[in-house]
Amino acid sequence: MPEFLTRRQGFWHFVRRVPETFAALDRRGIVKRTTHIRIADDPRGLRAARAAALMNGELEAYWQGLAGGQSAEAKAR
């Protein structure tokens, strides 16, 4: 199964734990978002993996922004 993907209620979901480095800045603990891609439409998760990679990139940029003191810009993203 592709990284950071899980199956839930017929859809692929992006799930990632907040790294310890950013835990003080992002109190969510675990970030969960739907990819809006049905498992039936993408049984091997190929499209969902691409969506998860984009979500992961956005999340990493958000954390880097928080760490750099750009909280307003990071949250706007």
Protein backbone atom coordinates (compact mmCIF):
# COMPACT_ATOMS: atom_id res chain seq x y z
CA MET A 1 0.00 0.00 0.00
CA PRO A 2 1.35 3.48 -0.83
CA GLU A 3 2.80 5.60 1.95
CA PHE A 4 0.40 7.57 4.19
CA LEU A 5 -2.72 5.98 2.64
CA THR A 6 -5.42 4.05 4.41
CA ARG A 7 -8.84 2.74 3.44
CA ARG A 8 -11.87 4.11 5.19
CA GLN A 9 -15.56 3.81 4.34
CA GLY A 10 -14.89 3.11 0.67
CA PHE A 11 -12.46 5.98 0.14
CA TRP A 12 -8.69 6.42 0.25
CA HIS A 13 -7.55 8.66 3.12
CA PHE A 14 -4.25 10.41 3.79
CA VAL A 15 -3.10 9.79 7.37
CA ARG A 16 0.16 11.01 8.85
CA ARG A 17 1.42 11.49 12.37
CA VAL A 18 2.89 14.92 13.16
CA PRO A 19 6.68 14.47 13.57
CA GLU A 20 8.11 15.19 17.02
CA THR A 21 10.05 18.09 15.54
CA PHE A 22 6.80 19.93 14.81
CA ALA A 23 4.60 18.53 17.60
CA ALA A 24 4.84 21.72 19.67
CA LEU A 25 3.70 23.77 16.66
CA ASP A 26 0.96 21.46 15.36
CA ARG A 27 -1.07 19.95 18.19
CA ARG A 28 -3.21 17.68 15.99
CA GLY A 29 -1.07 14.62 16.65
CA ILE A 30 -2.38 12.80 13.58
CA VAL A 31 -3.42 14.55 10.36
CA LYS A 32 -6.29 12.85 8.52
CA ARG A 33 -7.70 14.00 5.17
CA THR A 34 -9.73 12.30 2.49
CA THR A 35 -8.41 12.08 -1.04
CA HIS A 36 -12.02 11.98 -2.36
CA ILE A 37 -11.00 8.96 -4.45
CA ARG A 38 -13.15 5.85 -4.17
CA ILE A 39 -11.36 2.57 -3.61
CA ALA A 40 -13.64 0.96 -6.21
CA ASP A 41 -12.39 3.47 -8.81
CA ASP A 42 -8.72 3.08 -7.82
CA PRO A 43 -8.28 -0.37 -6.26
CA ARG A 44 -4.47 -0.30 -6.28
CA GLY A 45 -4.32 3.25 -4.97
CA LEU A 46 -2.27 4.70 -7.82
CA ARG A 47 -4.28 7.93 -8.21
CA ALA A 48 -4.68 8.13 -4.46
CA ALA A 49 -0.89 7.83 -4.03
CA ARG A 50 -0.38 10.86 -6.28
CA ALA A 51 -2.99 12.80 -4.31
CA ALA A 52 -1.33 11.75 -1.03
CA ALA A 53 2.07 12.88 -2.32
CA LEU A 54 0.62 16.33 -3.05
CA MET A 55 -1.03 16.48 0.37
CA ASN A 56 2.22 15.43 2.01
CA GLY A 57 4.13 18.17 0.18
CA GLU A 58 1.61 20.78 1.31
CA LEU A 59 1.77 19.48 4.87
CA GLU A 60 5.59 19.55 4.91
CA ALA A 61 5.53 23.14 3.58
CA TYR A 62 3.01 24.06 6.30
CA TRP A 63 5.24 22.62 9.02
CA GLN A 64 8.32 24.34 7.62
CA GLY A 65 6.39 27.62 7.58
CA LEU A 66 5.36 27.16 11.19
CA ALA A 67 8.92 26.35 12.18
CA GLY A 68 10.16 29.43 10.32
CA GLY A 69 7.82 31.71 12.23
CA GLN A 70 5.47 32.28 9.31
CA SER A 71 2.37 30.98 11.03
CA ALA A 72 -0.10 33.29 9.25
CA GLU A 73 1.23 32.39 5.81
CA ALA A 74 1.43 28.69 6.70
CA LYS A 75 -2.15 28.60 7.91
CA ALA A 76 -3.34 30.44 4.78
CA ARG A 77 -1.79 27.67 2.72
